[in-house]
Amino acid sequence: MDDEALLRGRVYGTDHDDPDPGPRPGRSYRELVGGPLDGLLLDVTGWGEAEVAGGAALPTEIGRYGAGGRAHYEPRAEDPRRWDWRGDTR
């Protein structure tokens, strides 16, 4: 992911009416690929190595299970800055 792609992205968890939902300087992001959160950026600033390597189960209302569901993303082996969707759970 290049700097230009980061500047275009919207950060997971920002409000829909946020006038500036993009990434902030000095923060570290991962691009979510596939699934219900495709194209969003996840702010991993302050996460430890093990946390980043383990991926994340992110709450979302737009996944398979609706409200209360989670979308699971894991780092891509050949490009850990991109996290691939692995499925949804309750």
Protein backbone atom coordinates (compact mmCIF):
# COMPACT_ATOMS: atom_id res chain seq x y z
CA MET A 1 0.00 0.00 0.00
CA ASP A 2 1.52 3.30 -1.05
CA ASP A 3 1.05 6.72 0.55
CA GLU A 4 -1.47 7.75 -2.10
CA ALA A 5 -3.67 4.73 -1.30
CA LEU A 6 -3.53 5.61 2.38
CA LEU A 7 -4.67 9.15 1.69
CA ARG A 8 -7.76 7.89 -0.15
CA GLY A 9 -8.78 5.38 2.51
CA ARG A 10 -11.44 5.57 5.18
CA VAL A 11 -10.56 4.36 8.65
CA TYR A 12 -12.61 1.55 10.24
CA GLY A 13 -14.59 2.84 13.19
CA THR A 14 -14.92 6.46 12.08
CA ASP A 15 -18.40 7.94 12.13
CA HIS A 16 -20.26 8.00 8.83
CA ASP A 17 -20.74 11.77 9.17
CA ASP A 18 -17.08 12.46 10.07
CA PRO A 19 -15.91 15.19 7.68
CA ASP A 20 -12.38 13.71 7.67
CA PRO A 21 -12.66 9.89 7.96
CA GLY A 22 -9.21 9.29 6.49
CA PRO A 23 -5.93 8.30 8.07
CA ARG A 24 -4.09 10.61 10.45
CA PRO A 25 -0.38 11.46 10.32
CA GLY A 26 1.83 9.49 12.68
CA ARG A 27 -0.53 6.51 12.87
CA SER A 28 -0.02 2.97 11.54
CA TYR A 29 -2.67 1.32 9.35
CA ARG A 30 -3.48 -1.98 7.67
CA GLU A 31 -5.71 -2.25 4.60
CA LEU A 32 -8.67 -4.63 4.94
CA VAL A 33 -9.20 -6.72 1.80
CA GLY A 34 -12.40 -8.59 0.95
CA GLY A 35 -15.45 -9.23 3.08
CA PRO A 36 -17.78 -6.62 4.53
CA LEU A 37 -15.01 -4.14 5.45
CA ASP A 38 -13.18 -4.27 2.13
CA GLY A 39 -11.18 -1.12 1.43
CA LEU A 40 -11.24 0.25 4.96
CA LEU A 41 -8.06 0.98 6.90
CA LEU A 42 -7.55 -0.42 10.39
CA ASP A 43 -5.58 1.72 12.83
CA VAL A 44 -3.06 -0.59 14.56
CA THR A 45 -1.09 2.17 16.29
CA GLY A 46 0.05 0.91 19.67
CA TRP A 47 -0.58 -2.77 18.89
CA GLY A 48 2.23 -5.17 19.80
CA GLU A 49 3.88 -7.46 17.25
CA ALA A 50 1.87 -10.48 18.39
CA GLU A 51 -1.41 -8.57 18.18
CA VAL A 52 -0.68 -7.39 14.64
CA ALA A 53 0.47 -10.87 13.57
CA GLY A 54 -2.74 -12.39 14.94
CA GLY A 55 -5.11 -10.25 12.90
CA ALA A 56 -8.44 -9.10 14.27
CA ALA A 57 -12.11 -9.98 14.69
CA LEU A 58 -13.82 -6.65 14.03
CA PRO A 59 -17.39 -5.88 15.07
CA THR A 60 -19.60 -5.00 12.11
CA GLU A 61 -23.29 -4.77 11.39
CA ILE A 62 -22.82 -5.31 7.66
CA GLY A 63 -21.42 -8.84 7.79
CA ARG A 64 -23.21 -12.16 7.43
CA TYR A 65 -24.61 -12.08 10.98
CA GLY A 66 -25.70 -8.44 11.16
CA ALA A 67 -25.60 -6.61 14.47
CA GLY A 68 -23.35 -8.45 16.91
CA GLY A 69 -21.34 -10.13 14.15
CA ARG A 70 -17.61 -9.93 13.58
CA ALA A 71 -15.50 -9.98 10.43
CA HIS A 72 -12.18 -11.82 10.80
CA TYR A 73 -9.07 -10.48 9.04
CA GLU A 74 -5.52 -11.84 9.01
CA PRO A 75 -2.26 -10.43 7.63
CA ARG A 76 -1.40 -11.53 4.11
CA ALA A 77 1.81 -13.62 4.15
CA GLU A 78 3.45 -11.84 1.22
CA ASP A 79 2.27 -8.35 2.25
CA PRO A 80 1.38 -8.04 5.95
CA ARG A 81 0.23 -4.44 5.44
CA ARG A 82 -2.84 -5.94 3.73
CA TRP A 83 -5.19 -8.09 5.81
CA ASP A 84 -7.41 -10.62 4.07
CA TRP A 85 -10.94 -11.49 5.14
CA ARG A 86 -11.28 -15.01 6.54
CA GLY A 87 -15.00 -15.07 7.32
CA ASP A 88 -17.69 -13.79 9.68
CA THR A 89 -18.78 -15.07 13.09
CA ARG A 90 -21.30 -14.16 15.74
